Protein backbone atom coordinates (compact mmCIF):
# COMPACT_ATOMS: atom_id res chain seq x y z
CA MET A 1 -0.08 0.32 0.01
CA ILE A 2 1.26 3.50 -0.76
CA SER A 3 0.63 6.38 1.34
CA GLN A 4 0.62 10.13 0.86
CA TYR A 5 4.07 10.32 2.04
CA ASP A 6 4.93 8.51 -1.46
CA SER A 7 2.99 11.06 -3.63
CA VAL A 8 6.25 13.12 -4.60
CA PRO A 9 9.21 12.05 -6.12
CA SER A 10 12.73 12.17 -4.48
CA PRO A 11 15.01 14.91 -6.07
CA LEU A 12 17.71 13.38 -3.59
CA ALA A 13 19.36 10.58 -5.29
CA ALA A 14 20.43 13.15 -8.29
CA ALA A 15 21.52 16.04 -5.67
CA ILE A 16 23.59 14.09 -3.27
CA PHE A 17 26.55 11.50 -3.13
CA LEU A 18 26.78 10.55 0.40
CA ASN A 19 30.38 9.44 0.58
CA TYR A 20 32.57 9.16 3.38
CA SER A 21 36.20 8.39 3.39
CA LEU A 22 38.18 6.51 6.65
CA LEU A 23 40.80 9.44 7.45
CA ASN A 24 42.73 7.33 10.13
CA GLN A 25 42.94 3.76 13.04
CA THR A 26 43.82 4.45 16.41
CA ALA A 27 45.47 1.17 18.46
CA GLN A 28 43.21 -0.62 20.75
CA PRO A 29 43.43 -0.04 24.74
CA VAL A 30 46.45 -1.98 25.89
CA ASP A 31 45.52 -3.08 29.39
CA PRO A 32 46.34 -7.24 30.61
CA GLY A 33 43.00 -8.25 31.98
CA PHE A 34 40.93 -7.75 29.14
CA THR A 35 40.63 -8.17 25.79
CA ILE A 36 37.40 -7.13 23.38
CA THR A 37 36.64 -9.58 21.00
CA GLY A 38 34.00 -7.52 19.27
CA TYR A 39 31.91 -4.41 19.58
CA GLU A 40 27.94 -5.78 19.23
CA ASN A 41 25.88 -1.99 18.87
CA VAL A 42 26.71 1.44 19.77
CA VAL A 43 24.09 4.30 21.31
CA ILE A 44 24.65 7.93 22.00
CA GLN A 45 24.16 10.51 23.76
CA GLY A 46 25.64 13.84 24.56
CA ASN A 47 29.62 13.87 24.05
CA TYR A 48 29.58 10.26 24.32
CA ALA A 49 29.47 6.56 23.06
CA TYR A 50 28.58 3.66 25.11
CA ALA A 51 29.70 0.56 22.84
CA ILE A 52 28.83 -3.30 24.19
CA GLY A 53 29.69 -6.71 22.86
CA GLY A 54 32.14 -9.22 23.83
CA GLY A 55 34.75 -9.90 25.25
CA ASN A 56 36.89 -11.66 27.34
CA PRO A 57 36.97 -12.09 30.16
CA GLY A 58 32.51 -11.79 29.30
CA PHE A 59 30.86 -8.42 28.69
CA THR A 60 32.78 -4.96 28.26
CA LEU A 61 30.84 -2.69 27.88
CA SER A 62 33.64 1.02 26.76
CA ILE A 63 32.60 4.85 27.08
CA PHE A 64 34.11 7.27 24.36
CA ASP A 65 34.74 10.21 25.19
CA VAL A 66 33.78 12.07 21.08
CA THR A 67 33.09 15.79 21.74
CA ASP A 68 36.09 15.69 19.29
CA CYS A 69 34.92 13.74 16.42
CA SER A 70 38.55 13.69 14.40
CA ALA A 71 40.09 12.31 18.00
CA PRO A 72 38.52 10.62 20.20
CA ARG A 73 39.20 8.56 23.03
CA VAL A 74 38.35 5.80 25.84
CA ILE A 75 36.96 7.01 29.47
CA SER A 76 36.08 4.00 31.18
CA TYR A 77 35.19 0.33 30.97
CA LEU A 78 32.75 -2.35 32.78
CA THR A 79 34.32 -5.80 31.84
CA THR A 80 33.65 -9.32 33.41
CA GLY A 81 34.21 -12.57 34.02
CA SER A 82 33.01 -16.50 34.30
CA VAL A 83 32.24 -15.63 38.33
CA PRO A 84 30.22 -15.86 41.06
CA TRP A 85 27.26 -13.85 41.38
CA VAL A 86 26.72 -12.38 44.50
CA SER A 87 23.25 -11.30 46.15
CA GLY A 88 24.60 -7.56 46.03
CA PRO A 89 26.37 -5.07 43.56
CA PRO A 90 28.54 -5.37 41.71
CA TYR A 91 26.76 -7.59 39.65
CA TYR A 92 28.69 -9.52 36.86
CA LEU A 93 27.55 -8.56 32.94
CA ASN A 94 27.24 -11.41 30.89
CA GLY A 95 26.91 -11.20 26.32
CA SER A 96 25.20 -8.55 25.13
CA TYR A 97 23.40 -7.11 21.52
CA ASN A 98 21.48 -4.40 22.90
CA MET A 99 21.36 -1.69 24.77
CA TRP A 100 19.22 1.52 25.42
CA ILE A 101 20.31 4.93 27.28
CA ASP A 102 18.01 7.73 29.02
CA GLY A 103 19.42 10.07 31.46
CA ILE A 104 21.34 9.04 33.45
CA TYR A 105 20.53 4.95 33.69
CA LEU A 106 22.30 2.74 30.84
CA TYR A 107 19.70 -0.56 30.22
CA VAL A 108 21.65 -3.45 28.83
CA ALA A 109 19.89 -7.02 27.88
CA SER A 110 22.51 -9.73 28.07
CA SER A 111 22.71 -12.40 25.11
CA GLY A 112 24.94 -14.80 27.35
CA SER A 113 22.31 -15.26 29.89
CA SER A 114 18.29 -14.04 30.93
CA TYR A 115 19.29 -10.43 33.68
CA LEU A 116 18.05 -7.64 32.49
CA TYR A 117 20.96 -5.17 33.52
CA ILE A 118 20.88 -1.67 35.22
CA VAL A 119 24.12 0.43 34.71
CA ASN A 120 24.47 4.31 36.10
CA VAL A 121 26.27 6.15 34.06
CA ALA A 122 25.92 8.96 35.48
CA ASN A 123 29.50 9.80 35.51
CA PRO A 124 30.82 8.23 31.92
CA PHE A 125 34.09 8.01 33.61
CA ALA A 126 33.36 5.96 37.00
CA PRO A 127 30.41 3.21 35.85
CA PHE A 128 28.52 1.25 37.75
CA ASN A 129 25.41 -1.57 37.94
CA VAL A 130 22.76 -1.17 39.41
CA SER A 131 20.56 -3.94 39.12
CA ARG A 132 19.47 -6.60 37.51
CA LEU A 133 16.28 -8.60 37.04
CA LEU A 134 16.97 -12.57 35.77
CA ILE A 135 14.18 -12.59 33.35
CA SER A 136 11.26 -16.04 34.72
CA GLY A 137 10.34 -18.81 32.64
CA SER A 138 13.15 -19.64 30.94
CA PRO A 139 13.80 -16.67 28.22
CA GLY A 140 17.18 -17.60 27.08
CA SER A 141 19.21 -14.83 25.36
CA ILE A 142 17.61 -11.33 25.32
CA TYR A 143 17.80 -9.50 21.98
CA GLY A 144 15.77 -6.05 21.84
CA ILE A 145 15.35 -3.64 23.95
CA ALA A 146 13.77 -1.02 23.94
CA TYR A 147 12.69 1.75 26.97
CA GLN A 148 10.36 4.23 27.45
CA ALA A 149 8.87 6.40 30.33
CA GLY A 150 10.21 3.50 33.30
CA TYR A 151 9.84 0.32 31.47
CA CYS A 152 11.81 -2.22 29.46
CA TYR A 153 10.21 -3.99 26.59
CA LEU A 154 12.80 -7.34 25.93
CA ALA A 155 12.43 -9.11 22.80
CA THR A 156 13.71 -13.04 24.10
CA GLN A 157 14.61 -15.92 21.92
CA SER A 158 12.58 -17.76 23.60
CA THR A 159 9.03 -16.01 25.25
CA GLY A 160 8.72 -13.35 22.81
CA LEU A 161 7.76 -10.23 23.95
CA VAL A 162 9.07 -9.12 28.03
CA VAL A 163 7.77 -6.42 29.63
CA VAL A 164 9.93 -5.15 32.69
CA ASP A 165 8.97 -1.61 35.40
CA VAL A 166 11.70 -0.59 36.03
CA GLY A 167 10.50 2.49 37.63
CA GLY A 168 7.02 2.77 35.58
CA GLY A 169 5.86 2.22 39.11
CA ALA A 170 1.87 0.07 37.29
CA GLY A 171 3.77 -2.13 38.04
CA GLY A 172 6.18 -1.69 41.90
CA GLY A 173 9.19 -1.47 39.90
CA THR A 174 12.09 1.21 40.38
CA ILE A 175 15.52 0.93 38.96
CA THR A 176 17.25 -1.06 42.41
CA ALA A 177 13.89 -3.40 42.95
CA PRO A 178 12.67 -4.08 38.59
CA VAL A 179 9.16 -5.94 38.09
CA GLN A 180 8.31 -8.29 35.32
CA THR A 181 4.93 -7.59 34.34
CA TYR A 182 4.27 -9.73 31.25
CA GLN A 183 5.47 -12.09 29.18
CA GLU A 184 4.39 -12.92 25.51
CA GLY A 185 5.20 -16.72 26.08
CA GLY A 186 3.98 -19.93 23.89
CA GLY A 187 7.52 -20.92 22.72
CA VAL A 188 7.68 -17.24 20.30
CA LYS A 189 11.20 -16.72 18.91
CA SER A 190 11.68 -13.03 19.08
CA PHE A 191 14.38 -11.04 18.13
CA GLY A 192 13.50 -7.07 17.51
CA VAL A 193 11.77 -4.25 19.67
CA ALA A 194 10.96 -0.75 19.19
CA ILE A 195 8.84 1.70 19.87
CA SER A 196 7.55 4.89 18.64
CA GLY A 197 4.93 6.51 21.08
CA SER A 198 1.77 4.51 22.68
CA THR A 199 2.64 1.53 19.86
CA LEU A 200 5.39 -2.16 19.32
CA TYR A 201 6.50 -3.72 17.34
CA THR A 202 8.21 -6.88 17.56
CA THR A 203 9.64 -9.86 15.27
CA GLN A 204 8.36 -13.22 15.67
CA TYR A 205 11.25 -15.96 13.38
CA THR A 206 10.91 -19.35 12.98
CA THR A 207 14.65 -21.07 12.83
CA SER A 208 14.63 -23.60 9.99
CA VAL A 209 11.70 -23.55 6.75
CA TYR A 210 10.75 -19.66 7.86
CA THR A 211 7.59 -20.35 7.80
CA ILE A 212 7.19 -17.46 10.61
CA ARG A 213 8.52 -13.91 9.52
CA GLN A 214 7.11 -11.53 11.41
CA ILE A 215 6.13 -8.43 12.29
CA LYS A 216 4.39 -7.15 15.68
CA SER A 217 2.40 -4.29 16.67
CA TRP A 218 1.19 -3.96 20.42
CA THR A 219 -1.46 -1.34 21.94
CA LEU A 220 0.16 0.23 25.22
CA VAL A 221 -3.54 2.59 25.28
CA GLY A 222 -7.18 1.82 25.65
CA VAL A 223 -6.63 -1.91 25.59
CA GLY A 224 -3.71 -2.13 26.09
CA SER A 225 -1.22 -0.64 29.22
CA VAL A 226 2.19 0.00 29.76
CA THR A 227 2.75 -3.58 31.38
CA VAL A 228 0.35 -5.12 29.52
CA PRO A 229 0.65 -4.61 25.75
CA HIS A 230 -2.45 -5.70 23.52
CA LEU A 231 -1.17 -7.31 20.19
CA LEU A 232 -3.41 -5.51 17.55
CA GLN A 233 -1.72 -7.52 13.97
CA SER A 234 0.57 -9.77 13.18
CA LEU A 235 1.72 -9.23 9.91
CA GLN A 236 3.90 -12.04 7.04
CA VAL A 237 7.05 -9.58 6.18
CA THR A 238 8.25 -11.04 2.40
CA THR A 239 10.83 -11.85 2.01
CA ALA A 240 11.43 -15.82 2.92
CA GLY A 241 14.18 -15.85 6.49
CA GLU A 242 14.83 -14.96 9.63
CA ALA A 243 12.85 -11.79 11.29
CA LEU A 244 15.45 -10.32 13.50
CA GLY A 245 16.26 -6.43 14.40
CA VAL A 246 13.48 -3.31 13.49
CA SER A 247 13.18 -0.03 13.52
CA VAL A 248 10.57 2.50 14.18
CA TYR A 249 11.23 5.84 11.80
CA GLN A 250 7.82 7.90 10.80
CA ASN A 251 5.29 5.91 9.69
CA THR A 252 8.03 2.82 8.42
CA ALA A 253 9.37 -1.03 10.19
CA TYR A 254 12.34 -1.32 8.57
CA VAL A 255 12.49 -5.16 9.52
CA THR A 256 16.41 -7.40 8.82
CA VAL A 257 15.76 -10.72 7.70
CA SER A 258 19.15 -12.87 7.26
CA ALA A 259 19.49 -16.28 6.20
CA THR A 260 22.33 -18.49 4.10
CA GLY A 261 22.00 -16.68 1.39
CA VAL A 262 19.46 -13.69 2.41
CA ASN A 263 19.94 -10.34 3.40
CA SER A 264 17.33 -8.04 2.89
CA ILE A 265 14.87 -5.45 4.66
CA ASN A 266 11.95 -4.80 4.06
CA LEU A 267 9.62 -2.01 4.45
CA ILE A 268 6.48 -2.02 5.88
CA ASP A 269 4.04 0.71 6.42
CA ILE A 270 3.02 1.54 9.61
CA THR A 271 0.86 5.10 9.39
CA ASN A 272 -2.12 2.14 10.88
CA PRO A 273 -0.68 -0.05 13.08
CA SER A 274 -3.40 -2.20 13.49
CA SER A 275 -3.88 -2.76 9.69
CA MET A 276 0.44 -3.24 8.17
CA SER A 277 1.19 -3.96 5.30
CA ASN A 278 4.23 -4.62 3.35
CA ILE A 279 5.89 -2.29 0.28
CA SER A 280 9.40 -3.52 -0.29
CA GLN A 281 12.65 -4.75 0.11
CA ILE A 282 16.58 -4.35 0.18
CA ALA A 283 18.67 -7.44 -0.92
CA SER A 284 22.47 -6.13 0.56
CA ALA A 285 24.94 -7.80 -1.09
CA ASN A 286 27.44 -8.20 2.23
CA THR A 287 25.94 -10.71 5.22
CA PHE A 288 24.22 -9.18 8.38
CA ASN A 289 25.77 -9.33 11.84
CA SER A 290 22.11 -10.14 13.36
CA ALA A 291 22.91 -7.69 16.16
CA PHE A 292 22.23 -4.38 13.90
CA THR A 293 19.50 -3.21 12.69
CA ALA A 294 19.04 -0.84 10.28
CA GLN A 295 18.58 3.15 10.75
CA ALA A 296 16.53 5.89 8.41
CA ALA A 297 17.16 9.67 9.29
CA SER A 298 15.90 12.94 7.80
CA PHE A 299 17.85 14.47 4.85
CA GLY A 300 17.15 17.80 3.27
CA ALA A 301 13.15 18.74 2.87
CA GLY A 302 10.69 15.99 3.60
CA ASN A 303 13.96 13.22 2.05
CA THR A 304 14.57 9.94 3.82
CA ILE A 305 18.18 8.02 4.23
CA LEU A 306 18.38 4.60 5.71
CA TYR A 307 21.48 3.77 6.78
CA ILE A 308 22.37 0.07 5.89
CA PRO A 309 25.83 -1.60 8.35
CA SER A 310 26.55 -5.23 6.69
CA GLY A 311 29.98 -7.08 6.88
CA LYS A 312 31.92 -10.55 6.42
CA ASN A 313 32.89 -9.43 2.92
CA ALA A 314 36.74 -11.15 2.13
CA VAL A 315 37.32 -8.21 0.51
CA TYR A 316 36.56 -5.12 2.40
CA GLY A 317 34.52 -6.03 4.96
CA GLY A 318 32.38 -3.69 6.61
CA ALA A 319 30.40 -1.74 4.81
CA ILE A 320 27.54 0.92 5.15
CA ASP A 321 25.36 1.56 2.26
CA SER A 322 22.31 4.46 2.12
CA TYR A 323 19.62 4.25 -0.09
CA ASP A 324 16.91 7.14 -0.35
CA VAL A 325 13.84 6.46 0.41
CA THR A 326 11.62 8.89 0.53
CA ILE A 327 9.14 7.14 -2.14
CA ARG A 328 9.70 3.09 0.06
CA ALA A 329 8.18 1.40 -2.44
CA THR A 330 11.06 2.52 -4.77
CA PRO A 331 14.52 2.69 -2.65
CA VAL A 332 17.29 3.94 -4.98
CA HIS A 333 21.00 3.15 -3.70
CA ILE A 334 23.46 6.74 -3.59
CA ALA A 335 26.95 4.82 -1.93
CA GLN A 336 28.87 2.54 0.32
CA THR A 337 31.61 3.20 2.64
CA THR A 338 33.60 0.60 3.69
CA THR A 339 36.08 0.10 6.03
CA GLY A 340 38.95 -1.60 3.48
CA VAL A 341 39.17 -4.48 6.43
CA ALA A 342 38.67 -7.77 4.85
CA ASN A 343 36.42 -10.36 7.48
CA SER A 344 35.24 -7.36 9.24
CA VAL A 345 31.89 -7.66 10.29
CA PHE A 346 29.95 -4.33 11.36
CA GLY A 347 26.83 -4.61 14.12
CA GLY A 348 24.44 -1.81 15.39
CA ILE A 349 25.06 1.70 14.33
CA ALA A 350 23.93 5.44 16.20
CA LEU A 351 23.32 8.59 14.25
CA SER A 352 24.19 11.94 16.21
CA ASN A 353 24.55 15.26 14.71
CA GLY A 354 26.23 15.01 11.52
CA TYR A 355 27.73 11.84 12.29
CA ILE A 356 27.42 7.84 11.79
CA PHE A 357 29.05 5.45 14.88
CA CYS A 358 29.23 2.09 14.02
CA ALA A 359 30.33 -1.30 16.42
CA ASP A 360 32.27 -3.15 15.24
CA TYR A 361 33.41 -6.65 15.79
CA GLY A 362 36.05 -6.59 13.75
CA PRO A 363 38.12 -8.76 11.38
CA VAL A 364 37.35 -13.06 12.72
CA SER A 365 36.69 -11.80 15.41
CA THR A 366 39.77 -10.20 16.56
CA ASN A 367 39.20 -7.12 17.55
CA GLY A 368 36.41 -4.40 19.55
CA ASN A 369 35.82 -1.73 17.13
CA LEU A 370 34.41 1.54 16.92
CA ASP A 371 34.63 4.05 13.84
CA ILE A 372 32.61 7.69 12.88
CA PHE A 373 31.47 8.63 9.76
CA SER A 374 30.59 11.57 9.18
CA GLN A 375 27.88 12.50 6.71
CA ASP A 376 29.54 14.85 4.81
CA ASN A 377 32.74 14.14 3.83
CA THR A 378 35.53 16.39 6.57
CA SER A 379 35.94 13.53 8.75
CA LEU A 380 35.66 10.36 9.35
CA SER A 381 37.30 8.05 12.51
CA ARG A 382 37.66 4.29 13.85
CA ILE A 383 38.38 3.50 16.91
CA ILE A 384 39.75 0.27 18.60
């Protein structure tokens, strides 16, 4: 279905060529106590970038000062090992794909366990763990997370959507004592979650014949609530594969679909969340990392650009492809930027103040990198 937003052609692809270049690479921080084996995702708040991923030992959160994006620097990190859990702080984190930052708190969804972690980052130079919550019902890994007004919405490996009150209060939860209020259950596999206003979006998938590859819409008002969302619609996306990450921008949801030989972004019309529909698909030449989602942003007057990270190319490694998706039925490829590092893998990206921040898993999972690209061709920095 084509909406009113697709009624006029976009001059963007013809008028602007969004290109980037790698300006420099700096050495990885050296610490005898830890090794970063790869950043899976990154979020930005103010002058700081927060990157998470695997490590040895355990999970690693690195915080970067990006006041000067041409010369960013690591200012602190949290790292963990396979040590016994204790009854109180400090809590040790264990593997992660995704996180969400809001104010002084960072909410981390663990892919290495079934815990939701809350980290205080009021002082980026000295982050510390506040609390953790073990999600009930054997959910497996927690892959996706979205946060809004005191509630965390989680996409889990085996029980679908889970809701946690982390201070909103309607479910009795606080920052130091979160409370789980809802679990979809039923053996549902979910990887992605996104929120827009009073509507929540999740993905559901099967791992073999891909008979289920859906985006779901949920309402948090009316028949639903912030603690117990109500399912509005389950839409089968076009591309056959695992429906993993999802991001939402304006009236469009972007669903990542991946399988052997399949790497696609499906564009979904969500103008009416109760009546979603498939619009078009973008096939990527590179292999997707399951941790990432494509991110959209406005450019110029009424134009929308979609940035798609990918990696594992044997020649040039990770890449970011930009598409003009103003006319959603016919996306136009604009440019591709690569690291030039063979087999490097991109994870999640974040857009902020004219820059693209990219979590780079590194070649063959050996180095954790944060790549910074500028949209105006003036600066790009790669830091490890």
